[in-house]
Amino acid sequence: MRILLTGASGLLGGNFAVVAARAGHEVIGTVGGWSGPALSGLAQQIRLELRDGDALAAAVRAARPAAIVNCAAVSDPGQSEREPEVAAALNVGMPRQLAMLARELGARLVHVSTEQVFDGTRAPYGVGDPVAPLNGYARLKVESERVVLAAAPELAAVVRAPLLMGNSPGGRRSVHERLLLDWSEGRVARLFTDEIRQVALADNLAAVLVELCARRELCGVFHWAGAEPVSRHWLGLAIAARFGIPAEGRIVAAQLLGSPLEATRPADLRLELRPLTELLATKSEVLGAQLARLEVPESLRAAVATMRAVA
């Protein structure tokens, strides 16, 4: 199957390309400001400004994909607050155009949304529970779900994704990569004990998206996440232990409630994963299995070795 992938240089997009190629699919991936080497898993890599509607339409029509997978977004809530016009263009305008192009070409569309469409007060959340976004990023994602499903209801699957871990193409996108970078530069991570996330590895979610490309009968909104919820603080401790790095002096426990933040964050975003867990071959993973596949980015290997040596 030929798949057009947006956001190929990101954490999820980079993992999707590898997983899809391994499954025998031809992946044409778009990148924006990526300046690194050719990305693994891509049969073709296209440099594209996704806010340029004419260029995006031309690229999709030229590719003639059987499926379109949208992993591109302004995913940092703080950036969405600082750059609302850019965030609206990439998080709503671009998915709307992809849905219209999917309808024009008869292509399957898989669009990635977020757990943050919920307010974190009534977990666990099922796919039919009412949304209640707390920040600008989440509100845009709610709108993206609406426009995608309105434009291509018989072709589109929307997957609400959790906090993701994994090995990113540039080594700086994942939770563990950012923590390792902070620690290598002497920064202390302030992690909340009352912020609960059902973290998933990017390659596991990528396998779900690959399956959904072929399951055209599965349309509408779906949830995916890891098999067990953890606090941000506990996750940080587990990552430190995974790499043999002492957490003392590097992680400080904090409380989300009452903390001043650039964008309000929900407290508890546990998700109910049915019906996907009953319909797909890919299975949700426990945290231990996810941690085992995390790697130290090449640029941080010397620093991590030093932190281990002084443990």
C-alpha atoms as a PDB file:
ATOM      1  CA  MET A   1       0.000   0.000   0.000  1.00  0.00           C
ATOM      2  CA  ARG A   2       1.237   3.505  -0.777  1.00  0.00           C
ATOM      3  CA  ILE A   3       0.892   5.765   2.255  1.00  0.00           C
ATOM      4  CA  LEU A   4       1.329   9.548   2.375  1.00  0.00           C
ATOM      5  CA  LEU A   5       2.666  10.456   5.829  1.00  0.00           C
ATOM      6  CA  THR A   6       2.804  13.966   7.273  1.00  0.00           C
ATOM      7  CA  GLY A   7       5.215  14.724  10.107  1.00  0.00           C
ATOM      8  CA  ALA A   8       7.739  12.069   9.100  1.00  0.00           C
ATOM      9  CA  SER A   9      10.569  13.616  11.141  1.00  0.00           C
ATOM     10  CA  GLY A  10       8.614  13.628  14.405  1.00  0.00           C
ATOM     11  CA  LEU A  11       8.541  11.016  17.154  1.00  0.00           C
ATOM     12  CA  LEU A  12       5.377   9.270  15.966  1.00  0.00           C
ATOM     13  CA  GLY A  13       5.893   9.928  12.255  1.00  0.00           C
ATOM     14  CA  GLY A  14       9.457   8.628  12.320  1.00  0.00           C
ATOM     15  CA  ASN A  15       8.363   5.436  14.044  1.00  0.00           C
ATOM     16  CA  PHE A  16       5.396   5.044  11.714  1.00  0.00           C
ATOM     17  CA  ALA A  17       7.634   5.140   8.647  1.00  0.00           C
ATOM     18  CA  VAL A  18       9.840   2.358   9.991  1.00  0.00           C
ATOM     19  CA  VAL A  19       6.948   0.151  11.144  1.00  0.00           C
ATOM     20  CA  ALA A  20       5.002   0.626   7.906  1.00  0.00           C
ATOM     21  CA  ALA A  21       8.019  -0.071   5.687  1.00  0.00           C
ATOM     22  CA  ARG A  22       8.774  -3.204   7.700  1.00  0.00           C
ATOM     23  CA  ALA A  23       5.205  -4.337   6.973  1.00  0.00           C
ATOM     24  CA  GLY A  24       5.817  -3.925   3.242  1.00  0.00           C
ATOM     25  CA  HIS A  25       4.183  -0.540   2.631  1.00  0.00           C
ATOM     26  CA  GLU A  26       5.570   2.263   0.468  1.00  0.00           C
ATOM     27  CA  VAL A  27       5.733   5.407   2.597  1.00  0.00           C
ATOM     28  CA  ILE A  28       6.035   8.905   1.136  1.00  0.00           C
ATOM     29  CA  GLY A  29       6.832  11.252   4.000  1.00  0.00           C
ATOM     30  CA  THR A  30       6.683  15.016   4.344  1.00  0.00           C
ATOM     31  CA  VAL A  31       9.182  16.960   6.441  1.00  0.00           C
ATOM     32  CA  GLY A  32       9.399  20.632   7.253  1.00  0.00           C
ATOM     33  CA  GLY A  33      12.575  21.951   8.819  1.00  0.00           C
ATOM     34  CA  TRP A  34      14.288  18.565   9.189  1.00  0.00           C
ATOM     35  CA  SER A  35      18.003  18.964   8.448  1.00  0.00           C
ATOM     36  CA  GLY A  36      19.252  15.536   9.451  1.00  0.00           C
ATOM     37  CA  PRO A  37      20.022  12.516   7.269  1.00  0.00           C
ATOM     38  CA  ALA A  38      17.483  10.696   5.125  1.00  0.00           C
ATOM     39  CA  LEU A  39      14.796   9.241   7.359  1.00  0.00           C
ATOM     40  CA  SER A  40      14.476   5.498   7.773  1.00  0.00           C
ATOM     41  CA  GLY A  41      11.471   3.767   6.256  1.00  0.00           C
ATOM     42  CA  LEU A  42      10.685   6.383   3.617  1.00  0.00           C
ATOM     43  CA  ALA A  43      10.563   5.468  -0.053  1.00  0.00           C
ATOM     44  CA  GLN A  44      10.382   9.195  -0.777  1.00  0.00           C
ATOM     45  CA  GLN A  45      11.025  12.218   1.428  1.00  0.00           C
ATOM     46  CA  ILE A  46       9.327  15.509   0.502  1.00  0.00           C
ATOM     47  CA  ARG A  47      10.229  18.867   2.027  1.00  0.00           C
ATOM     48  CA  LEU A  48       6.918  20.670   2.375  1.00  0.00           C
ATOM     49  CA  GLU A  49       5.421  23.605   4.253  1.00  0.00           C
ATOM     50  CA  LEU A  50       2.148  22.032   5.376  1.00  0.00           C
ATOM     51  CA  ARG A  51       0.456  25.434   5.774  1.00  0.00           C
ATOM     52  CA  ASP A  52       0.884  25.965   2.021  1.00  0.00           C
ATOM     53  CA  GLY A  53      -2.424  24.523   0.847  1.00  0.00           C
ATOM     54  CA  ASP A  54      -1.549  24.519  -2.847  1.00  0.00           C
ATOM     55  CA  ALA A  55       1.763  22.724  -2.270  1.00  0.00           C
ATOM     56  CA  LEU A  56       0.122  20.191   0.044  1.00  0.00           C
ATOM     57  CA  ALA A  57      -2.649  19.441  -2.452  1.00  0.00           C
ATOM     58  CA  ALA A  58      -0.142  19.039  -5.271  1.00  0.00           C
ATOM     59  CA  ALA A  59       1.996  16.636  -3.226  1.00  0.00           C
ATOM     60  CA  VAL A  60      -0.941  14.468  -2.194  1.00  0.00           C
ATOM     61  CA  ARG A  61      -2.386  14.326  -5.705  1.00  0.00           C
ATOM     62  CA  ALA A  62       1.010  13.460  -7.164  1.00  0.00           C
ATOM     63  CA  ALA A  63       1.502  10.648  -4.636  1.00  0.00           C
ATOM     64  CA  ARG A  64      -1.948   9.101  -5.292  1.00  0.00           C
ATOM     65  CA  PRO A  65      -1.843   7.322  -1.917  1.00  0.00           C
ATOM     66  CA  ALA A  66      -4.193   4.562  -0.843  1.00  0.00           C
ATOM     67  CA  ALA A  67      -3.963   5.992   2.667  1.00  0.00           C
ATOM     68  CA  ILE A  68      -3.007   9.295   4.288  1.00  0.00           C
ATOM     69  CA  VAL A  69      -1.663   9.316   7.852  1.00  0.00           C
ATOM     70  CA  ASN A  70      -1.486  12.664   9.619  1.00  0.00           C
ATOM     71  CA  CYS A  71       1.129  12.740  12.376  1.00  0.00           C
ATOM     72  CA  ALA A  72       1.970  16.442  11.967  1.00  0.00           C
ATOM     73  CA  ALA A  73       0.852  19.015  14.516  1.00  0.00           C
ATOM     74  CA  VAL A  74       1.870  21.793  16.838  1.00  0.00           C
ATOM     75  CA  SER A  75       1.786  19.392  19.770  1.00  0.00           C
ATOM     76  CA  ASP A  76       3.254  21.580  22.520  1.00  0.00           C
ATOM     77  CA  PRO A  77       0.374  23.272  24.385  1.00  0.00           C
ATOM     78  CA  GLY A  78       2.633  26.160  25.307  1.00  0.00           C
ATOM     79  CA  GLN A  79       3.531  26.801  21.673  1.00  0.00           C
ATOM     80  CA  SER A  80      -0.158  26.707  20.775  1.00  0.00           C
ATOM     81  CA  GLU A  81      -0.727  29.507  23.272  1.00  0.00           C
ATOM     82  CA  ARG A  82       2.219  31.547  21.970  1.00  0.00           C
ATOM     83  CA  GLU A  83       1.555  30.990  18.256  1.00  0.00           C
ATOM     84  CA  PRO A  84      -2.219  30.523  17.916  1.00  0.00           C
ATOM     85  CA  GLU A  85      -2.387  31.247  14.177  1.00  0.00           C
ATOM     86  CA  VAL A  86       0.331  28.733  13.326  1.00  0.00           C
ATOM     87  CA  ALA A  87      -1.248  26.168  15.637  1.00  0.00           C
ATOM     88  CA  ALA A  88      -4.695  26.662  14.111  1.00  0.00           C
ATOM     89  CA  ALA A  89      -3.327  26.277  10.583  1.00  0.00           C
ATOM     90  CA  LEU A  90      -1.472  23.034  11.322  1.00  0.00           C
ATOM     91  CA  ASN A  91      -3.866  21.507  13.840  1.00  0.00           C
ATOM     92  CA  VAL A  92      -7.164  22.313  12.099  1.00  0.00           C
ATOM     93  CA  GLY A  93      -6.696  23.798   8.628  1.00  0.00           C
ATOM     94  CA  MET A  94      -4.240  21.196   7.404  1.00  0.00           C
ATOM     95  CA  PRO A  95      -6.220  18.146   8.659  1.00  0.00           C
ATOM     96  CA  ARG A  96      -9.359  19.599   7.085  1.00  0.00           C
ATOM     97  CA  GLN A  97      -7.571  19.833   3.742  1.00  0.00           C
ATOM     98  CA  LEU A  98      -6.216  16.289   4.074  1.00  0.00           C
ATOM     99  CA  ALA A  99      -9.739  15.021   4.711  1.00  0.00           C
ATOM    100  CA  MET A 100     -11.025  16.787   1.604  1.00  0.00           C
ATOM    101  CA  LEU A 101      -8.159  15.355  -0.441  1.00  0.00           C
ATOM    102  CA  ALA A 102      -8.847  11.885   0.956  1.00  0.00           C
ATOM    103  CA  ARG A 103     -12.461  12.215  -0.161  1.00  0.00           C
ATOM    104  CA  GLU A 104     -11.368  13.431  -3.591  1.00  0.00           C
ATOM    105  CA  LEU A 105      -8.981  10.485  -4.059  1.00  0.00           C
ATOM    106  CA  GLY A 106     -10.981   7.855  -2.211  1.00  0.00           C
ATOM    107  CA  ALA A 107      -8.034   7.380   0.164  1.00  0.00           C
ATOM    108  CA  ARG A 108      -8.148   6.123   3.714  1.00  0.00           C
ATOM    109  CA  LEU A 109      -7.353   8.845   6.288  1.00  0.00           C
ATOM    110  CA  VAL A 110      -5.901   8.194   9.751  1.00  0.00           C
ATOM    111  CA  HIS A 111      -5.673  11.357  11.863  1.00  0.00           C
ATOM    112  CA  VAL A 112      -3.902  11.535  15.230  1.00  0.00           C
ATOM    113  CA  SER A 113      -5.596  13.490  18.010  1.00  0.00           C
ATOM    114  CA  THR A 114      -4.891  13.650  21.745  1.00  0.00           C
ATOM    115  CA  GLU A 115      -6.057  12.464  25.150  1.00  0.00           C
ATOM    116  CA  GLN A 116      -6.058  16.137  26.166  1.00  0.00           C
ATOM    117  CA  VAL A 117      -9.500  16.647  24.646  1.00  0.00           C
ATOM    118  CA  PHE A 118     -10.667  15.616  28.145  1.00  0.00           C
ATOM    119  CA  ASP A 119     -10.385  17.718  31.312  1.00  0.00           C
ATOM    120  CA  GLY A 120      -8.872  15.014  33.513  1.00  0.00           C
ATOM    121  CA  THR A 121     -11.581  15.000  36.197  1.00  0.00           C
ATOM    122  CA  ARG A 122     -13.619  11.883  35.271  1.00  0.00           C
ATOM    123  CA  ALA A 123     -11.157   9.214  34.086  1.00  0.00           C
ATOM    124  CA  PRO A 124     -11.095   6.644  32.649  1.00  0.00           C
ATOM    125  CA  TYR A 125     -12.532   8.081  29.443  1.00  0.00           C
ATOM    126  CA  GLY A 126     -14.352   6.099  26.767  1.00  0.00           C
ATOM    127  CA  VAL A 127     -14.590   7.154  23.140  1.00  0.00           C
ATOM    128  CA  GLY A 128     -18.155   8.351  23.615  1.00  0.00           C
ATOM    129  CA  ASP A 129     -17.521  10.521  26.668  1.00  0.00           C
ATOM    130  CA  PRO A 130     -18.036  14.271  26.221  1.00  0.00           C
ATOM    131  CA  VAL A 131     -14.901  16.289  25.548  1.00  0.00           C
ATOM    132  CA  ALA A 132     -13.915  19.218  27.757  1.00  0.00           C
ATOM    133  CA  PRO A 133     -10.616  20.758  26.589  1.00  0.00           C
ATOM    134  CA  LEU A 134      -8.715  22.886  29.091  1.00  0.00           C
ATOM    135  CA  ASN A 135      -6.176  24.626  26.830  1.00  0.00           C
ATOM    136  CA  GLY A 136      -5.863  26.050  23.332  1.00  0.00           C
ATOM    137  CA  TYR A 137      -4.043  23.021  21.942  1.00  0.00           C
ATOM    138  CA  ALA A 138      -6.782  20.680  23.135  1.00  0.00           C
ATOM    139  CA  ARG A 139      -9.521  22.927  21.765  1.00  0.00           C
ATOM    140  CA  LEU A 140      -7.845  22.880  18.348  1.00  0.00           C
ATOM    141  CA  LYS A 141      -7.607  19.096  18.464  1.00  0.00           C
ATOM    142  CA  VAL A 142     -11.311  18.825  19.267  1.00  0.00           C
ATOM    143  CA  GLU A 143     -12.015  21.005  16.249  1.00  0.00           C
ATOM    144  CA  SER A 144      -9.654  18.903  14.106  1.00  0.00           C
ATOM    145  CA  GLU A 145     -11.625  15.772  14.965  1.00  0.00           C
ATOM    146  CA  ARG A 146     -14.855  17.509  14.002  1.00  0.00           C
ATOM    147  CA  VAL A 147     -13.673  18.819  10.635  1.00  0.00           C
ATOM    148  CA  VAL A 148     -11.966  15.566   9.624  1.00  0.00           C
ATOM    149  CA  LEU A 149     -14.996  13.426  10.381  1.00  0.00           C
ATOM    150  CA  ALA A 150     -17.328  15.949   8.756  1.00  0.00           C
ATOM    151  CA  ALA A 151     -15.309  16.049   5.534  1.00  0.00           C
ATOM    152  CA  ALA A 152     -14.629  12.310   5.173  1.00  0.00           C
ATOM    153  CA  PRO A 153     -16.905  10.327   7.498  1.00  0.00           C
ATOM    154  CA  GLU A 154     -16.689   7.080   5.496  1.00  0.00           C
ATOM    155  CA  LEU A 155     -12.901   7.251   5.154  1.00  0.00           C
ATOM    156  CA  ALA A 156     -11.479   8.675   8.373  1.00  0.00           C
ATOM    157  CA  ALA A 157     -10.309   7.164  11.642  1.00  0.00           C
ATOM    158  CA  VAL A 158      -9.287   9.519  14.455  1.00  0.00           C
ATOM    159  CA  VAL A 159      -6.981   8.090  17.121  1.00  0.00           C
ATOM    160  CA  ARG A 160      -6.637   9.913  20.428  1.00  0.00           C
ATOM    161  CA  ALA A 161      -3.078   9.272  21.533  1.00  0.00           C
ATOM    162  CA  PRO A 162      -1.529   9.513  25.020  1.00  0.00           C
ATOM    163  CA  LEU A 163       1.800  10.861  26.197  1.00  0.00           C
ATOM    164  CA  LEU A 164       4.323   9.103  23.945  1.00  0.00           C
ATOM    165  CA  MET A 165       7.773   7.705  24.588  1.00  0.00           C
ATOM    166  CA  GLY A 166      10.139   6.190  22.069  1.00  0.00           C
ATOM    167  CA  ASN A 167      13.227   6.791  19.983  1.00  0.00           C
ATOM    168  CA  SER A 168      12.816   9.836  17.734  1.00  0.00           C
ATOM    169  CA  PRO A 169      14.773  10.546  14.523  1.00  0.00           C
ATOM    170  CA  GLY A 170      16.532  13.562  16.021  1.00  0.00           C
ATOM    171  CA  GLY A 171      16.901  12.182  19.547  1.00  0.00           C
ATOM    172  CA  ARG A 172      15.116  15.118  21.220  1.00  0.00           C
ATOM    173  CA  ARG A 173      11.363  14.536  20.916  1.00  0.00           C
ATOM    174  CA  SER A 174      10.605  11.746  23.385  1.00  0.00           C
ATOM    175  CA  VAL A 175      10.022  12.035  27.142  1.00  0.00           C
ATOM    176  CA  HIS A 176      13.148  10.053  27.971  1.00  0.00           C
ATOM    177  CA  GLU A 177      15.265  11.961  25.426  1.00  0.00           C
ATOM    178  CA  ARG A 178      14.273  15.318  26.916  1.00  0.00           C
ATOM    179  CA  LEU A 179      14.950  14.076  30.448  1.00  0.00           C
ATOM    180  CA  LEU A 180      18.377  12.734  29.501  1.00  0.00           C
ATOM    181  CA  LEU A 181      19.220  16.054  27.835  1.00  0.00           C
ATOM    182  CA  ASP A 182      18.093  18.023  30.896  1.00  0.00           C
ATOM    183  CA  TRP A 183      20.141  15.861  33.246  1.00  0.00           C
ATOM    184  CA  SER A 184      23.196  16.035  30.995  1.00  0.00           C
ATOM    185  CA  GLU A 185      23.042  19.833  31.185  1.00  0.00           C
ATOM    186  CA  GLY A 186      22.530  19.932  34.937  1.00  0.00           C
ATOM    187  CA  ARG A 187      18.823  20.728  34.988  1.00  0.00           C
ATOM    188  CA  VAL A 188      16.496  19.213  37.580  1.00  0.00           C
ATOM    189  CA  ALA A 189      13.188  17.748  36.361  1.00  0.00           C
ATOM    190  CA  ARG A 190      10.157  18.917  38.331  1.00  0.00           C
ATOM    191  CA  LEU A 191       7.649  16.107  37.823  1.00  0.00           C
ATOM    192  CA  PHE A 192       4.095  15.958  39.098  1.00  0.00           C
ATOM    193  CA  THR A 193       2.940  13.129  41.347  1.00  0.00           C
ATOM    194  CA  ASP A 194      -0.731  13.947  40.649  1.00  0.00           C
ATOM    195  CA  GLU A 195      -0.522  14.031  36.827  1.00  0.00           C
ATOM    196  CA  ILE A 196      -1.554  10.591  35.574  1.00  0.00           C
ATOM    197  CA  ARG A 197      -0.822   9.420  32.041  1.00  0.00           C
ATOM    198  CA  GLN A 198      -1.242   6.080  30.254  1.00  0.00           C
ATOM    199  CA  VAL A 199       2.022   6.418  28.357  1.00  0.00           C
ATOM    200  CA  ALA A 200       2.600   4.427  25.143  1.00  0.00           C
ATOM    201  CA  LEU A 201       5.653   3.764  23.025  1.00  0.00           C
ATOM    202  CA  ALA A 202       5.561   5.474  19.635  1.00  0.00           C
ATOM    203  CA  ASP A 203       6.299   2.291  17.707  1.00  0.00           C
ATOM    204  CA  ASN A 204       3.369   0.548  19.388  1.00  0.00           C
ATOM    205  CA  LEU A 205       0.977   3.340  18.397  1.00  0.00           C
ATOM    206  CA  ALA A 206       2.555   3.327  14.928  1.00  0.00           C
ATOM    207  CA  ALA A 207       1.626  -0.349  14.556  1.00  0.00           C
ATOM    208  CA  VAL A 208      -1.972   0.566  15.403  1.00  0.00           C
ATOM    209  CA  LEU A 209      -1.993   3.286  12.741  1.00  0.00           C
ATOM    210  CA  VAL A 210      -0.550   0.883  10.167  1.00  0.00           C
ATOM    211  CA  GLU A 211      -3.317  -1.610  10.895  1.00  0.00           C
ATOM    212  CA  LEU A 212      -5.956   1.102  10.628  1.00  0.00           C
ATOM    213  CA  CYS A 213      -4.718   2.052   7.162  1.00  0.00           C
ATOM    214  CA  ALA A 214      -5.980  -1.325   5.925  1.00  0.00           C
ATOM    215  CA  ARG A 215      -9.099  -1.467   8.116  1.00  0.00           C
ATOM    216  CA  ARG A 216     -11.224   0.969   6.142  1.00  0.00           C
ATOM    217  CA  GLU A 217     -14.387  -0.224   7.860  1.00  0.00           C
ATOM    218  CA  LEU A 218     -13.153   1.235  11.170  1.00  0.00           C
ATOM    219  CA  CYS A 219     -14.197   4.877  11.029  1.00  0.00           C
ATOM    220  CA  GLY A 220     -14.822   7.442  13.739  1.00  0.00           C
ATOM    221  CA  VAL A 221     -12.983   8.128  17.003  1.00  0.00           C
ATOM    222  CA  PHE A 222     -10.773   5.598  18.787  1.00  0.00           C
ATOM    223  CA  HIS A 223      -8.436   5.555  21.795  1.00  0.00           C
ATOM    224  CA  TRP A 224      -4.984   4.025  22.185  1.00  0.00           C
ATOM    225  CA  ALA A 225      -2.546   4.070  25.086  1.00  0.00           C
ATOM    226  CA  GLY A 226      -0.308   1.905  27.230  1.00  0.00           C
ATOM    227  CA  ALA A 227      -1.698  -0.849  29.424  1.00  0.00           C
ATOM    228  CA  GLU A 228      -1.070   0.857  32.780  1.00  0.00           C
ATOM    229  CA  PRO A 229      -1.349   4.409  34.120  1.00  0.00           C
ATOM    230  CA  VAL A 230       1.577   6.079  35.904  1.00  0.00           C
ATOM    231  CA  SER A 231       2.294   9.499  37.327  1.00  0.00           C
ATOM    232  CA  ARG A 232       4.767  11.768  35.565  1.00  0.00           C
ATOM    233  CA  HIS A 233       6.958  11.534  38.649  1.00  0.00           C
ATOM    234  CA  TRP A 234       6.923   7.736  38.706  1.00  0.00           C
ATOM    235  CA  LEU A 235       7.669   7.680  34.990  1.00  0.00           C
ATOM    236  CA  GLY A 236      10.709   9.898  35.503  1.00  0.00           C
ATOM    237  CA  LEU A 237      12.024   7.607  38.226  1.00  0.00           C
ATOM    238  CA  ALA A 238      11.478   4.567  35.988  1.00  0.00           C
ATOM    239  CA  ILE A 239      13.386   6.199  33.122  1.00  0.00           C
ATOM    240  CA  ALA A 240      16.293   7.063  35.404  1.00  0.00           C
ATOM    241  CA  ALA A 241      16.398   3.465  36.667  1.00  0.00           C
ATOM    242  CA  ARG A 242      16.222   2.125  33.106  1.00  0.00           C
ATOM    243  CA  PHE A 243      19.465   3.929  32.222  1.00  0.00           C
ATOM    244  CA  GLY A 244      21.203   3.388  35.560  1.00  0.00           C
ATOM    245  CA  ILE A 245      21.178   7.076  36.464  1.00  0.00           C
ATOM    246  CA  PRO A 246      20.632   8.155  40.100  1.00  0.00           C
ATOM    247  CA  ALA A 247      17.378  10.114  40.426  1.00  0.00           C
ATOM    248  CA  GLU A 248      18.497  11.973  43.540  1.00  0.00           C
ATOM    249  CA  GLY A 249      19.276  15.557  42.674  1.00  0.00           C
ATOM    250  CA  ARG A 250      17.820  15.139  39.184  1.00  0.00           C
ATOM    251  CA  ILE A 251      14.090  14.644  39.887  1.00  0.00           C
ATOM    252  CA  VAL A 252      11.950  16.686  42.281  1.00  0.00           C
ATOM    253  CA  ALA A 253       8.396  15.642  43.146  1.00  0.00           C
ATOM    254  CA  ALA A 254       5.829  18.395  42.620  1.00  0.00           C
ATOM    255  CA  GLN A 255       2.067  18.886  42.521  1.00  0.00           C
ATOM    256  CA  LEU A 256       0.183  19.777  39.348  1.00  0.00           C
ATOM    257  CA  LEU A 257      -2.647  21.258  41.382  1.00  0.00           C
ATOM    258  CA  GLY A 258      -1.841  24.909  41.961  1.00  0.00           C
ATOM    259  CA  SER A 259       1.283  24.994  39.798  1.00  0.00           C
ATOM    260  CA  PRO A 260       1.578  27.999  37.444  1.00  0.00           C
ATOM    261  CA  LEU A 261       1.783  26.680  33.871  1.00  0.00           C
ATOM    262  CA  GLU A 262       1.826  28.291  30.453  1.00  0.00           C
ATOM    263  CA  ALA A 263      -1.072  26.036  29.421  1.00  0.00           C
ATOM    264  CA  THR A 264      -3.448  24.271  31.819  1.00  0.00           C
ATOM    265  CA  ARG A 265      -2.862  20.510  31.953  1.00  0.00           C
ATOM    266  CA  PRO A 266      -5.450  17.848  32.840  1.00  0.00           C
ATOM    267  CA  ALA A 267      -4.658  15.743  35.904  1.00  0.00           C
ATOM    268  CA  ASP A 268      -5.853  12.211  35.096  1.00  0.00           C
ATOM    269  CA  LEU A 269      -6.109  11.075  31.473  1.00  0.00           C
ATOM    270  CA  ARG A 270      -6.581   7.332  31.757  1.00  0.00           C
ATOM    271  CA  LEU A 271      -8.336   5.962  28.664  1.00  0.00           C
ATOM    272  CA  GLU A 272     -10.679   3.091  27.951  1.00  0.00           C
ATOM    273  CA  LEU A 273      -9.114   1.383  24.919  1.00  0.00           C
ATOM    274  CA  ARG A 274     -12.038  -0.622  23.647  1.00  0.00           C
ATOM    275  CA  PRO A 275     -13.004  -1.325  20.923  1.00  0.00           C
ATOM    276  CA  LEU A 276      -9.525  -1.220  19.315  1.00  0.00           C
ATOM    277  CA  THR A 277      -8.113  -3.746  21.775  1.00  0.00           C
ATOM    278  CA  GLU A 278     -10.760  -6.191  20.564  1.00  0.00           C
ATOM    279  CA  LEU A 279     -10.396  -5.433  16.845  1.00  0.00           C
ATOM    280  CA  LEU A 280      -6.652  -5.172  16.153  1.00  0.00           C
ATOM    281  CA  ALA A 281      -3.731  -7.586  16.292  1.00  0.00           C
ATOM    282  CA  THR A 282      -1.519  -4.965  17.987  1.00  0.00           C
ATOM    283  CA  LYS A 283      -1.716  -5.138  21.768  1.00  0.00           C
ATOM    284  CA  SER A 284      -1.330  -2.443  24.398  1.00  0.00           C
ATOM    285  CA  GLU A 285       1.962  -2.723  26.312  1.00  0.00           C
ATOM    286  CA  VAL A 286       2.953  -2.549  29.957  1.00  0.00           C
ATOM    287  CA  LEU A 287       5.521   0.039  30.931  1.00  0.00           C
ATOM    288  CA  GLY A 288       8.360  -2.421  31.485  1.00  0.00           C
ATOM    289  CA  ALA A 289       8.190  -3.660  27.900  1.00  0.00           C
ATOM    290  CA  GLN A 290       8.228  -0.074  26.657  1.00  0.00           C
ATOM    291  CA  LEU A 291      11.191   0.989  28.787  1.00  0.00           C
ATOM    292  CA  ALA A 292      13.250  -1.938  27.526  1.00  0.00           C
ATOM    293  CA  ARG A 293      13.148  -0.553  23.961  1.00  0.00           C
ATOM    294  CA  LEU A 294      14.284   2.966  24.823  1.00  0.00           C
ATOM    295  CA  GLU A 295      17.727   3.944  23.571  1.00  0.00           C
ATOM    296  CA  VAL A 296      20.180   6.679  24.487  1.00  0.00           C
ATOM    297  CA  PRO A 297      20.491   9.193  21.629  1.00  0.00           C
ATOM    298  CA  GLU A 298      23.931   9.127  20.070  1.00  0.00           C
ATOM    299  CA  SER A 299      24.561  12.753  21.009  1.00  0.00           C
ATOM    300  CA  LEU A 300      24.008  11.957  24.704  1.00  0.00           C
ATOM    301  CA  ARG A 301      25.861   8.659  25.055  1.00  0.00           C
ATOM    302  CA  ALA A 302      29.001  10.156  26.552  1.00  0.00           C
ATOM    303  CA  ALA A 303      27.002  12.244  29.044  1.00  0.00           C
ATOM    304  CA  VAL A 304      24.866   9.270  30.087  1.00  0.00           C
ATOM    305  CA  ALA A 305      27.991   7.123  30.534  1.00  0.00           C
ATOM    306  CA  THR A 306      29.398   9.830  32.823  1.00  0.00           C
ATOM    307  CA  MET A 307      26.203  10.007  34.879  1.00  0.00           C
ATOM    308  CA  ARG A 308      26.268   6.235  35.289  1.00  0.00           C
ATOM    309  CA  ALA A 309      29.938   6.223  36.249  1.00  0.00           C
ATOM    310  CA  VAL A 310      29.408   8.578  39.176  1.00  0.00           C
ATOM    311  CA  ALA A 311      26.366   6.669  40.445  1.00  0.00           C
END
